[in-house]
Amino acid sequence: MAVNRDTQPRDLSTINGLLRLDLYSTDLERATQLDALNQKSAGIGNGMQDFYTNLCNDAVRMYTIVQNMEHEIKSLEELEHSDVHIREALDRARANMADLNLG
């Protein structure tokens, strides 16, 4: 317990007041430190949760894109014989799939 020795209190009520203030400030410091630590750990937890949520959302979007591209390729393959432009579009779709290393 830290008592300010420069003031040299003369009566017990002043000494008790200083001791209570010292105890209170110590508890307040501890509470402040714990609160800061809790906020920091909550921030890390929320950050990780946001990261994984975004990662899952990105994976769903990629899966949807791949599904759409596969459907487009199948449709174009069925029509491939009918038009040169369709063959070119099919080649572009296949090249896009190859660029994604998905097929």
PDB file of N, CA and C in Angstrom:
ATOM      1  N   MET A   1       0.840  -1.175   0.000  1.00  0.00           N
ATOM      2  CA  MET A   1       0.000   0.000   0.000  1.00  0.00           C
ATOM      3  C   MET A   1       0.881   1.233   0.000  1.00  0.00           C
ATOM      4  N   ALA A   2       0.527   2.124  -0.875  1.00  0.00           N
ATOM      5  CA  ALA A   2       1.344   3.319  -1.000  1.00  0.00           C
ATOM      6  C   ALA A   2       0.698   4.486  -0.272  1.00  0.00           C
ATOM      7  N   VAL A   3       1.392   4.982   0.711  1.00  0.00           N
ATOM      8  CA  VAL A   3       0.953   6.178   1.433  1.00  0.00           C
ATOM      9  C   VAL A   3       1.936   7.264   1.063  1.00  0.00           C
ATOM     10  N   ASN A   4       1.417   8.393   0.659  1.00  0.00           N
ATOM     11  CA  ASN A   4       2.269   9.502   0.285  1.00  0.00           C
ATOM     12  C   ASN A   4       2.934  10.048   1.542  1.00  0.00           C
ATOM     13  N   ARG A   5       4.207   9.802   1.679  1.00  0.00           N
ATOM     14  CA  ARG A   5       4.918  10.179   2.902  1.00  0.00           C
ATOM     15  C   ARG A   5       5.249  11.675   2.937  1.00  0.00           C
ATOM     16  N   ASP A   6       5.149  12.338   1.791  1.00  0.00           N
ATOM     17  CA  ASP A   6       5.434  13.777   1.762  1.00  0.00           C
ATOM     18  C   ASP A   6       4.391  14.569   2.535  1.00  0.00           C
ATOM     19  N   THR A   7       3.146  14.101   2.548  1.00  0.00           N
ATOM     20  CA  THR A   7       2.098  14.870   3.227  1.00  0.00           C
ATOM     21  C   THR A   7       2.089  14.625   4.722  1.00  0.00           C
ATOM     22  N   GLN A   8       2.651  13.511   5.191  1.00  0.00           N
ATOM     23  CA  GLN A   8       2.724  13.187   6.621  1.00  0.00           C
ATOM     24  C   GLN A   8       1.384  13.427   7.312  1.00  0.00           C
ATOM     25  N   PRO A   9       0.346  12.634   7.014  1.00  0.00           N
ATOM     26  CA  PRO A   9      -0.946  12.842   7.669  1.00  0.00           C
ATOM     27  C   PRO A   9      -0.824  12.663   9.174  1.00  0.00           C
ATOM     28  N   ARG A  10      -1.584  13.460   9.950  1.00  0.00           N
ATOM     29  CA  ARG A  10      -1.436  13.465  11.399  1.00  0.00           C
ATOM     30  C   ARG A  10      -2.548  12.722  12.127  1.00  0.00           C
ATOM     31  N   ASP A  11      -3.711  12.549  11.502  1.00  0.00           N
ATOM     32  CA  ASP A  11      -4.760  11.839  12.231  1.00  0.00           C
ATOM     33  C   ASP A  11      -5.154  10.559  11.491  1.00  0.00           C
ATOM     34  N   LEU A  12      -5.824   9.647  12.211  1.00  0.00           N
ATOM     35  CA  LEU A  12      -6.173   8.344  11.651  1.00  0.00           C
ATOM     36  C   LEU A  12      -7.175   8.445  10.513  1.00  0.00           C
ATOM     37  N   SER A  13      -8.085   9.378  10.541  1.00  0.00           N
ATOM     38  CA  SER A  13      -9.084   9.483   9.471  1.00  0.00           C
ATOM     39  C   SER A  13      -8.415   9.821   8.142  1.00  0.00           C
ATOM     40  N   THR A  14      -7.400  10.671   8.179  1.00  0.00           N
ATOM     41  CA  THR A  14      -6.674  11.004   6.952  1.00  0.00           C
ATOM     42  C   THR A  14      -5.905   9.798   6.448  1.00  0.00           C
ATOM     43  N   ILE A  15      -5.254   9.065   7.356  1.00  0.00           N
ATOM     44  CA  ILE A  15      -4.509   7.864   6.967  1.00  0.00           C
ATOM     45  C   ILE A  15      -5.467   6.832   6.371  1.00  0.00           C
ATOM     46  N   ASN A  16      -6.611   6.599   7.036  1.00  0.00           N
ATOM     47  CA  ASN A  16      -7.594   5.647   6.517  1.00  0.00           C
ATOM     48  C   ASN A  16      -8.114   6.073   5.146  1.00  0.00           C
ATOM     49  N   GLY A  17      -8.324   7.365   4.975  1.00  0.00           N
ATOM     50  CA  GLY A  17      -8.785   7.871   3.678  1.00  0.00           C
ATOM     51  C   GLY A  17      -7.775   7.599   2.581  1.00  0.00           C
ATOM     52  N   LEU A  18      -6.497   7.829   2.871  1.00  0.00           N
ATOM     53  CA  LEU A  18      -5.447   7.560   1.886  1.00  0.00           C
ATOM     54  C   LEU A  18      -5.356   6.072   1.571  1.00  0.00           C
ATOM     55  N   LEU A  19      -5.471   5.226   2.587  1.00  0.00           N
ATOM     56  CA  LEU A  19      -5.415   3.780   2.359  1.00  0.00           C
ATOM     57  C   LEU A  19      -6.592   3.319   1.507  1.00  0.00           C
ATOM     58  N   ARG A  20      -7.793   3.820   1.801  1.00  0.00           N
ATOM     59  CA  ARG A  20      -8.967   3.446   1.008  1.00  0.00           C
ATOM     60  C   ARG A  20      -8.808   3.913  -0.437  1.00  0.00           C
ATOM     61  N   LEU A  21      -8.297   5.114  -0.633  1.00  0.00           N
ATOM     62  CA  LEU A  21      -8.075   5.627  -1.978  1.00  0.00           C
ATOM     63  C   LEU A  21      -7.085   4.743  -2.716  1.00  0.00           C
ATOM     64  N   ASP A  22      -6.008   4.334  -2.027  1.00  0.00           N
ATOM     65  CA  ASP A  22      -5.009   3.469  -2.640  1.00  0.00           C
ATOM     66  C   ASP A  22      -5.629   2.131  -3.037  1.00  0.00           C
ATOM     67  N   LEU A  23      -6.422   1.544  -2.149  1.00  0.00           N
ATOM     68  CA  LEU A  23      -7.065   0.265  -2.461  1.00  0.00           C
ATOM     69  C   LEU A  23      -8.040   0.411  -3.619  1.00  0.00           C
ATOM     70  N   TYR A  24      -8.789   1.516  -3.607  1.00  0.00           N
ATOM     71  CA  TYR A  24      -9.759   1.739  -4.675  1.00  0.00           C
ATOM     72  C   TYR A  24      -9.057   1.886  -6.018  1.00  0.00           C
ATOM     73  N   SER A  25      -7.982   2.679  -6.042  1.00  0.00           N
ATOM     74  CA  SER A  25      -7.294   2.883  -7.315  1.00  0.00           C
ATOM     75  C   SER A  25      -6.677   1.584  -7.807  1.00  0.00           C
ATOM     76  N   THR A  26      -6.190   0.745  -6.899  1.00  0.00           N
ATOM     77  CA  THR A  26      -5.634  -0.543  -7.307  1.00  0.00           C
ATOM     78  C   THR A  26      -6.728  -1.404  -7.923  1.00  0.00           C
ATOM     79  N   ASP A  27      -7.903  -1.459  -7.269  1.00  0.00           N
ATOM     80  CA  ASP A  27      -9.018  -2.228  -7.822  1.00  0.00           C
ATOM     81  C   ASP A  27      -9.475  -1.653  -9.155  1.00  0.00           C
ATOM     82  N   LEU A  28      -9.503  -0.326  -9.244  1.00  0.00           N
ATOM     83  CA  LEU A  28      -9.913   0.316 -10.486  1.00  0.00           C
ATOM     84  C   LEU A  28      -8.917   0.002 -11.598  1.00  0.00           C
ATOM     85  N   GLU A  29      -7.623   0.058 -11.282  1.00  0.00           N
ATOM     86  CA  GLU A  29      -6.613  -0.284 -12.281  1.00  0.00           C
ATOM     87  C   GLU A  29      -6.784  -1.722 -12.747  1.00  0.00           C
ATOM     88  N   ARG A  30      -6.984  -2.628 -11.793  1.00  0.00           N
ATOM     89  CA  ARG A  30      -7.177  -4.035 -12.153  1.00  0.00           C
ATOM     90  C   ARG A  30      -8.415  -4.210 -13.020  1.00  0.00           C
ATOM     91  N   ALA A  31      -9.490  -3.559 -12.622  1.00  0.00           N
ATOM     92  CA  ALA A  31     -10.735  -3.666 -13.395  1.00  0.00           C
ATOM     93  C   ALA A  31     -10.544  -3.109 -14.800  1.00  0.00           C
ATOM     94  N   THR A  32      -9.831  -1.988 -14.899  1.00  0.00           N
ATOM     95  CA  THR A  32      -9.572  -1.387 -16.204  1.00  0.00           C
ATOM     96  C   THR A  32      -8.722  -2.306 -17.065  1.00  0.00           C
ATOM     97  N   GLN A  33      -7.684  -2.894 -16.468  1.00  0.00           N
ATOM     98  CA  GLN A  33      -6.830  -3.821 -17.212  1.00  0.00           C
ATOM     99  C   GLN A  33      -7.606  -5.047 -17.669  1.00  0.00           C
ATOM    100  N   LEU A  34      -8.440  -5.600 -16.780  1.00  0.00           N
ATOM    101  CA  LEU A  34      -9.248  -6.764 -17.150  1.00  0.00           C
ATOM    102  C   LEU A  34     -10.237  -6.419 -18.253  1.00  0.00           C
ATOM    103  N   ASP A  35     -10.844  -5.247 -18.154  1.00  0.00           N
ATOM    104  CA  ASP A  35     -11.791  -4.821 -19.179  1.00  0.00           C
ATOM    105  C   ASP A  35     -11.092  -4.670 -20.526  1.00  0.00           C
ATOM    106  N   ALA A  36      -9.909  -4.055 -20.522  1.00  0.00           N
ATOM    107  CA  ALA A  36      -9.150  -3.893 -21.766  1.00  0.00           C
ATOM    108  C   ALA A  36      -8.772  -5.251 -22.349  1.00  0.00           C
ATOM    109  N   LEU A  37      -8.360  -6.170 -21.486  1.00  0.00           N
ATOM    110  CA  LEU A  37      -7.999  -7.509 -21.946  1.00  0.00           C
ATOM    111  C   LEU A  37      -9.210  -8.235 -22.523  1.00  0.00           C
ATOM    112  N   ASN A  38     -10.342  -8.120 -21.848  1.00  0.00           N
ATOM    113  CA  ASN A  38     -11.567  -8.752 -22.352  1.00  0.00           C
ATOM    114  C   ASN A  38     -11.979  -8.179 -23.701  1.00  0.00           C
ATOM    115  N   GLN A  39     -11.884  -6.858 -23.842  1.00  0.00           N
ATOM    116  CA  GLN A  39     -12.243  -6.235 -25.115  1.00  0.00           C
ATOM    117  C   GLN A  39     -11.295  -6.672 -26.221  1.00  0.00           C
ATOM    118  N   LYS A  40     -10.017  -6.767 -25.877  1.00  0.00           N
ATOM    119  CA  LYS A  40      -9.027  -7.181 -26.871  1.00  0.00           C
ATOM    120  C   LYS A  40      -9.290  -8.615 -27.317  1.00  0.00           C
ATOM    121  N   SER A  41      -9.534  -9.518 -26.362  1.00  0.00           N
ATOM    122  CA  SER A  41      -9.781 -10.912 -26.724  1.00  0.00           C
ATOM    123  C   SER A  41     -11.096 -11.045 -27.484  1.00  0.00           C
ATOM    124  N   ALA A  42     -12.101 -10.254 -27.126  1.00  0.00           N
ATOM    125  CA  ALA A  42     -13.368 -10.287 -27.866  1.00  0.00           C
ATOM    126  C   ALA A  42     -13.156  -9.791 -29.288  1.00  0.00           C
ATOM    127  N   GLY A  43     -12.325  -8.765 -29.436  1.00  0.00           N
ATOM    128  CA  GLY A  43     -12.027  -8.255 -30.771  1.00  0.00           C
ATOM    129  C   GLY A  43     -11.346  -9.292 -31.635  1.00  0.00           C
ATOM    130  N   ILE A  44     -10.423 -10.040 -31.047  1.00  0.00           N
ATOM    131  CA  ILE A  44      -9.742 -11.100 -31.791  1.00  0.00           C
ATOM    132  C   ILE A  44     -10.752 -12.171 -32.180  1.00  0.00           C
ATOM    133  N   GLY A  45     -11.606 -12.545 -31.226  1.00  0.00           N
ATOM    134  CA  GLY A  45     -12.622 -13.558 -31.515  1.00  0.00           C
ATOM    135  C   GLY A  45     -13.575 -13.113 -32.607  1.00  0.00           C
ATOM    136  N   ASN A  46     -14.028 -11.867 -32.535  1.00  0.00           N
ATOM    137  CA  ASN A  46     -14.932 -11.345 -33.559  1.00  0.00           C
ATOM    138  C   ASN A  46     -14.236 -11.261 -34.904  1.00  0.00           C
ATOM    139  N   GLY A  47     -12.977 -10.882 -34.897  1.00  0.00           N
ATOM    140  CA  GLY A  47     -12.224 -10.811 -36.141  1.00  0.00           C
ATOM    141  C   GLY A  47     -12.095 -12.168 -36.805  1.00  0.00           C
ATOM    142  N   MET A  48     -11.815 -13.187 -36.011  1.00  0.00           N
ATOM    143  CA  MET A  48     -11.710 -14.539 -36.560  1.00  0.00           C
ATOM    144  C   MET A  48     -13.066 -15.024 -37.058  1.00  0.00           C
ATOM    145  N   GLN A  49     -14.108 -14.724 -36.316  1.00  0.00           N
ATOM    146  CA  GLN A  49     -15.446 -15.136 -36.742  1.00  0.00           C
ATOM    147  C   GLN A  49     -15.805 -14.458 -38.062  1.00  0.00           C
ATOM    148  N   ASP A  50     -15.516 -13.167 -38.180  1.00  0.00           N
ATOM    149  CA  ASP A  50     -15.776 -12.450 -39.431  1.00  0.00           C
ATOM    150  C   ASP A  50     -14.964 -13.039 -40.574  1.00  0.00           C
ATOM    151  N   PHE A  51     -13.700 -13.377 -40.302  1.00  0.00           N
ATOM    152  CA  PHE A  51     -12.837 -13.960 -41.323  1.00  0.00           C
ATOM    153  C   PHE A  51     -13.434 -15.263 -41.845  1.00  0.00           C
ATOM    154  N   TYR A  52     -13.820 -16.155 -40.932  1.00  0.00           N
ATOM    155  CA  TYR A  52     -14.378 -17.437 -41.352  1.00  0.00           C
ATOM    156  C   TYR A  52     -15.734 -17.270 -42.028  1.00  0.00           C
ATOM    157  N   THR A  53     -16.536 -16.333 -41.574  1.00  0.00           N
ATOM    158  CA  THR A  53     -17.820 -16.071 -42.229  1.00  0.00           C
ATOM    159  C   THR A  53     -17.589 -15.600 -43.652  1.00  0.00           C
ATOM    160  N   ASN A  54     -16.660 -14.662 -43.833  1.00  0.00           N
ATOM    161  CA  ASN A  54     -16.337 -14.173 -45.178  1.00  0.00           C
ATOM    162  C   ASN A  54     -15.764 -15.279 -46.044  1.00  0.00           C
ATOM    163  N   LEU A  55     -14.926 -16.123 -45.448  1.00  0.00           N
ATOM    164  CA  LEU A  55     -14.339 -17.232 -46.191  1.00  0.00           C
ATOM    165  C   LEU A  55     -15.426 -18.188 -46.675  1.00  0.00           C
ATOM    166  N   CYS A  56     -16.364 -18.515 -45.802  1.00  0.00           N
ATOM    167  CA  CYS A  56     -17.473 -19.405 -46.182  1.00  0.00           C
ATOM    168  C   CYS A  56     -18.343 -18.764 -47.260  1.00  0.00           C
ATOM    169  N   ASN A  57     -18.620 -17.479 -47.114  1.00  0.00           N
ATOM    170  CA  ASN A  57     -19.414 -16.783 -48.136  1.00  0.00           C
ATOM    171  C   ASN A  57     -18.706 -16.786 -49.480  1.00  0.00           C
ATOM    172  N   ASP A  58     -17.387 -16.577 -49.474  1.00  0.00           N
ATOM    173  CA  ASP A  58     -16.612 -16.620 -50.713  1.00  0.00           C
ATOM    174  C   ASP A  58     -16.644 -18.010 -51.327  1.00  0.00           C
ATOM    175  N   ALA A  59     -16.550 -19.045 -50.496  1.00  0.00           N
ATOM    176  CA  ALA A  59     -16.594 -20.420 -50.998  1.00  0.00           C
ATOM    177  C   ALA A  59     -17.945 -20.717 -51.642  1.00  0.00           C
ATOM    178  N   VAL A  60     -19.021 -20.253 -51.037  1.00  0.00           N
ATOM    179  CA  VAL A  60     -20.356 -20.459 -51.618  1.00  0.00           C
ATOM    180  C   VAL A  60     -20.468 -19.732 -52.953  1.00  0.00           C
ATOM    181  N   ARG A  61     -19.961 -18.505 -53.018  1.00  0.00           N
ATOM    182  CA  ARG A  61     -19.991 -17.760 -54.282  1.00  0.00           C
ATOM    183  C   ARG A  61     -19.183 -18.473 -55.362  1.00  0.00           C
ATOM    184  N   MET A  62     -17.998 -18.965 -55.004  1.00  0.00           N
ATOM    185  CA  MET A  62     -17.171 -19.687 -55.982  1.00  0.00           C
ATOM    186  C   MET A  62     -17.874 -20.950 -56.455  1.00  0.00           C
ATOM    187  N   TYR A  63     -18.493 -21.678 -55.546  1.00  0.00           N
ATOM    188  CA  TYR A  63     -19.211 -22.897 -55.909  1.00  0.00           C
ATOM    189  C   TYR A  63     -20.343 -22.569 -56.882  1.00  0.00           C
ATOM    190  N   THR A  64     -21.066 -21.494 -56.612  1.00  0.00           N
ATOM    191  CA  THR A  64     -22.159 -21.078 -57.494  1.00  0.00           C
ATOM    192  C   THR A  64     -21.630 -20.711 -58.872  1.00  0.00           C
ATOM    193  N   ILE A  65     -20.513 -19.997 -58.917  1.00  0.00           N
ATOM    194  CA  ILE A  65     -19.906 -19.622 -60.200  1.00  0.00           C
ATOM    195  C   ILE A  65     -19.509 -20.867 -60.979  1.00  0.00           C
ATOM    196  N   VAL A  66     -18.873 -21.816 -60.302  1.00  0.00           N
ATOM    197  CA  VAL A  66     -18.444 -23.047 -60.973  1.00  0.00           C
ATOM    198  C   VAL A  66     -19.656 -23.820 -61.481  1.00  0.00           C
ATOM    199  N   GLN A  67     -20.695 -23.917 -60.658  1.00  0.00           N
ATOM    200  CA  GLN A  67     -21.912 -24.624 -61.087  1.00  0.00           C
ATOM    201  C   GLN A  67     -22.495 -23.960 -62.333  1.00  0.00           C
ATOM    202  N   ASN A  68     -22.555 -22.635 -62.334  1.00  0.00           N
ATOM    203  CA  ASN A  68     -23.083 -21.911 -63.494  1.00  0.00           C
ATOM    204  C   ASN A  68     -22.218 -22.128 -64.723  1.00  0.00           C
ATOM    205  N   MET A  69     -20.906 -22.129 -64.539  1.00  0.00           N
ATOM    206  CA  MET A  69     -20.002 -22.347 -65.670  1.00  0.00           C
ATOM    207  C   MET A  69     -20.152 -23.766 -66.210  1.00  0.00           C
ATOM    208  N   GLU A  70     -20.267 -24.748 -65.322  1.00  0.00           N
ATOM    209  CA  GLU A  70     -20.456 -26.127 -65.777  1.00  0.00           C
ATOM    210  C   GLU A  70     -21.758 -26.262 -66.559  1.00  0.00           C
ATOM    211  N   HIS A  71     -22.808 -25.614 -66.091  1.00  0.00           N
ATOM    212  CA  HIS A  71     -24.091 -25.643 -66.794  1.00  0.00           C
ATOM    213  C   HIS A  71     -23.963 -24.982 -68.167  1.00  0.00           C
ATOM    214  N   GLU A  72     -23.250 -23.863 -68.200  1.00  0.00           N
ATOM    215  CA  GLU A  72     -23.046 -23.163 -69.467  1.00  0.00           C
ATOM    216  C   GLU A  72     -22.268 -24.031 -70.443  1.00  0.00           C
ATOM    217  N   ILE A  73     -21.247 -24.702 -69.965  1.00  0.00           N
ATOM    218  CA  ILE A  73     -20.449 -25.571 -70.832  1.00  0.00           C
ATOM    219  C   ILE A  73     -21.310 -26.703 -71.385  1.00  0.00           C
ATOM    220  N   LYS A  74     -22.110 -27.326 -70.538  1.00  0.00           N
ATOM    221  CA  LYS A  74     -22.982 -28.415 -71.003  1.00  0.00           C
ATOM    222  C   LYS A  74     -23.960 -27.915 -72.056  1.00  0.00           C
ATOM    223  N   SER A  75     -24.531 -26.750 -71.809  1.00  0.00           N
ATOM    224  CA  SER A  75     -25.476 -26.187 -72.782  1.00  0.00           C
ATOM    225  C   SER A  75     -24.781 -25.887 -74.097  1.00  0.00           C
ATOM    226  N   LEU A  76     -23.601 -25.334 -74.009  1.00  0.00           N
ATOM    227  CA  LEU A  76     -22.862 -25.007 -75.229  1.00  0.00           C
ATOM    228  C   LEU A  76     -22.411 -26.262 -75.965  1.00  0.00           C
ATOM    229  N   GLU A  77     -22.048 -27.296 -75.221  1.00  0.00           N
ATOM    230  CA  GLU A  77     -21.659 -28.552 -75.865  1.00  0.00           C
ATOM    231  C   GLU A  77     -22.819 -29.135 -76.666  1.00  0.00           C
ATOM    232  N   GLU A  78     -24.039 -29.007 -76.138  1.00  0.00           N
ATOM    233  CA  GLU A  78     -25.215 -29.508 -76.846  1.00  0.00           C
ATOM    234  C   GLU A  78     -25.458 -28.730 -78.135  1.00  0.00           C
ATOM    235  N   LEU A  79     -25.113 -27.452 -78.121  1.00  0.00           N
ATOM    236  CA  LEU A  79     -25.347 -26.611 -79.297  1.00  0.00           C
ATOM    237  C   LEU A  79     -24.095 -26.405 -80.147  1.00  0.00           C
ATOM    238  N   GLU A  80     -23.015 -27.051 -79.767  1.00  0.00           N
ATOM    239  CA  GLU A  80     -21.715 -26.789 -80.400  1.00  0.00           C
ATOM    240  C   GLU A  80     -21.758 -26.960 -81.909  1.00  0.00           C
ATOM    241  N   HIS A  81     -22.443 -27.938 -82.367  1.00  0.00           N
ATOM    242  CA  HIS A  81     -22.453 -28.232 -83.794  1.00  0.00           C
ATOM    243  C   HIS A  81     -23.204 -27.185 -84.611  1.00  0.00           C
ATOM    244  N   SER A  82     -24.008 -26.331 -83.973  1.00  0.00           N
ATOM    245  CA  SER A  82     -24.884 -25.441 -84.727  1.00  0.00           C
ATOM    246  C   SER A  82     -24.238 -24.127 -85.170  1.00  0.00           C
ATOM    247  N   ASP A  83     -23.204 -23.690 -84.491  1.00  0.00           N
ATOM    248  CA  ASP A  83     -22.703 -22.357 -84.838  1.00  0.00           C
ATOM    249  C   ASP A  83     -21.241 -22.201 -84.427  1.00  0.00           C
ATOM    250  N   VAL A  84     -20.488 -21.532 -85.248  1.00  0.00           N
ATOM    251  CA  VAL A  84     -19.073 -21.285 -84.971  1.00  0.00           C
ATOM    252  C   VAL A  84     -18.911 -20.394 -83.740  1.00  0.00           C
ATOM    253  N   HIS A  85     -19.784 -19.421 -83.578  1.00  0.00           N
ATOM    254  CA  HIS A  85     -19.701 -18.506 -82.435  1.00  0.00           C
ATOM    255  C   HIS A  85     -19.896 -19.251 -81.118  1.00  0.00           C
ATOM    256  N   ILE A  86     -20.756 -20.240 -81.147  1.00  0.00           N
ATOM    257  CA  ILE A  86     -20.977 -21.034 -79.940  1.00  0.00           C
ATOM    258  C   ILE A  86     -19.713 -21.817 -79.601  1.00  0.00           C
ATOM    259  N   ARG A  87     -19.035 -22.348 -80.629  1.00  0.00           N
ATOM    260  CA  ARG A  87     -17.776 -23.067 -80.381  1.00  0.00           C
ATOM    261  C   ARG A  87     -16.729 -22.139 -79.768  1.00  0.00           C
ATOM    262  N   GLU A  88     -16.688 -20.927 -80.266  1.00  0.00           N
ATOM    263  CA  GLU A  88     -15.738 -19.967 -79.702  1.00  0.00           C
ATOM    264  C   GLU A  88     -16.085 -19.647 -78.239  1.00  0.00           C
ATOM    265  N   ALA A  89     -17.360 -19.476 -77.970  1.00  0.00           N
ATOM    266  CA  ALA A  89     -17.780 -19.219 -76.586  1.00  0.00           C
ATOM    267  C   ALA A  89     -17.462 -20.418 -75.700  1.00  0.00           C
ATOM    268  N   LEU A  90     -17.654 -21.615 -76.238  1.00  0.00           N
ATOM    269  CA  LEU A  90     -17.328 -22.830 -75.491  1.00  0.00           C
ATOM    270  C   LEU A  90     -15.832 -22.893 -75.200  1.00  0.00           C
ATOM    271  N   ASP A  91     -15.016 -22.549 -76.178  1.00  0.00           N
ATOM    272  CA  ASP A  91     -13.561 -22.535 -75.956  1.00  0.00           C
ATOM    273  C   ASP A  91     -13.179 -21.521 -74.872  1.00  0.00           C
ATOM    274  N   ARG A  92     -13.822 -20.355 -74.894  1.00  0.00           N
ATOM    275  CA  ARG A  92     -13.544 -19.355 -73.860  1.00  0.00           C
ATOM    276  C   ARG A  92     -13.965 -19.862 -72.480  1.00  0.00           C
ATOM    277  N   ALA A  93     -15.125 -20.503 -72.401  1.00  0.00           N
ATOM    278  CA  ALA A  93     -15.593 -21.031 -71.113  1.00  0.00           C
ATOM    279  C   ALA A  93     -14.648 -22.114 -70.604  1.00  0.00           C
ATOM    280  N   ARG A  94     -14.191 -22.970 -71.504  1.00  0.00           N
ATOM    281  CA  ARG A  94     -13.236 -24.017 -71.099  1.00  0.00           C
ATOM    282  C   ARG A  94     -11.918 -23.397 -70.638  1.00  0.00           C
ATOM    283  N   ALA A  95     -11.474 -22.355 -71.324  1.00  0.00           N
ATOM    284  CA  ALA A  95     -10.232 -21.679 -70.931  1.00  0.00           C
ATOM    285  C   ALA A  95     -10.390 -21.041 -69.551  1.00  0.00           C
ATOM    286  N   ASN A  96     -11.551 -20.461 -69.298  1.00  0.00           N
ATOM    287  CA  ASN A  96     -11.805 -19.873 -67.974  1.00  0.00           C
ATOM    288  C   ASN A  96     -11.774 -20.939 -66.896  1.00  0.00           C
ATOM    289  N   MET A  97     -12.365 -22.097 -67.171  1.00  0.00           N
ATOM    290  CA  MET A  97     -12.338 -23.199 -66.200  1.00  0.00           C
ATOM    291  C   MET A  97     -10.897 -23.654 -65.969  1.00  0.00           C
ATOM    292  N   ALA A  98     -10.119 -23.738 -67.041  1.00  0.00           N
ATOM    293  CA  ALA A  98      -8.720 -24.153 -66.902  1.00  0.00           C
ATOM    294  C   ALA A  98      -7.930 -23.128 -66.090  1.00  0.00           C
ATOM    295  N   ASP A  99      -8.236 -21.847 -66.291  1.00  0.00           N
ATOM    296  CA  ASP A  99      -7.558 -20.799 -65.517  1.00  0.00           C
ATOM    297  C   ASP A  99      -7.847 -20.928 -64.032  1.00  0.00           C
ATOM    298  N   LEU A 100      -9.035 -21.395 -63.701  1.00  0.00           N
ATOM    299  CA  LEU A 100      -9.395 -21.587 -62.297  1.00  0.00           C
ATOM    300  C   LEU A 100      -8.890 -22.914 -61.753  1.00  0.00           C
ATOM    301  N   ASN A 101      -8.277 -23.725 -62.619  1.00  0.00           N
ATOM    302  CA  ASN A 101      -7.793 -25.064 -62.247  1.00  0.00           C
ATOM    303  C   ASN A 101      -8.904 -25.920 -61.668  1.00  0.00           C
ATOM    304  N   LEU A 102     -10.081 -25.797 -62.250  1.00  0.00           N
ATOM    305  CA  LEU A 102     -11.226 -26.533 -61.730  1.00  0.00           C
ATOM    306  C   LEU A 102     -11.728 -27.591 -62.703  1.00  0.00           C
ATOM    307  N   GLY A 103     -11.169 -27.673 -63.833  1.00  0.00           N
ATOM    308  CA  GLY A 103     -11.739 -28.690 -64.704  1.00  0.00           C
ATOM    309  C   GLY A 103     -11.118 -28.653 -66.034  1.00  0.00           C
TER     310      GLY A 103
END
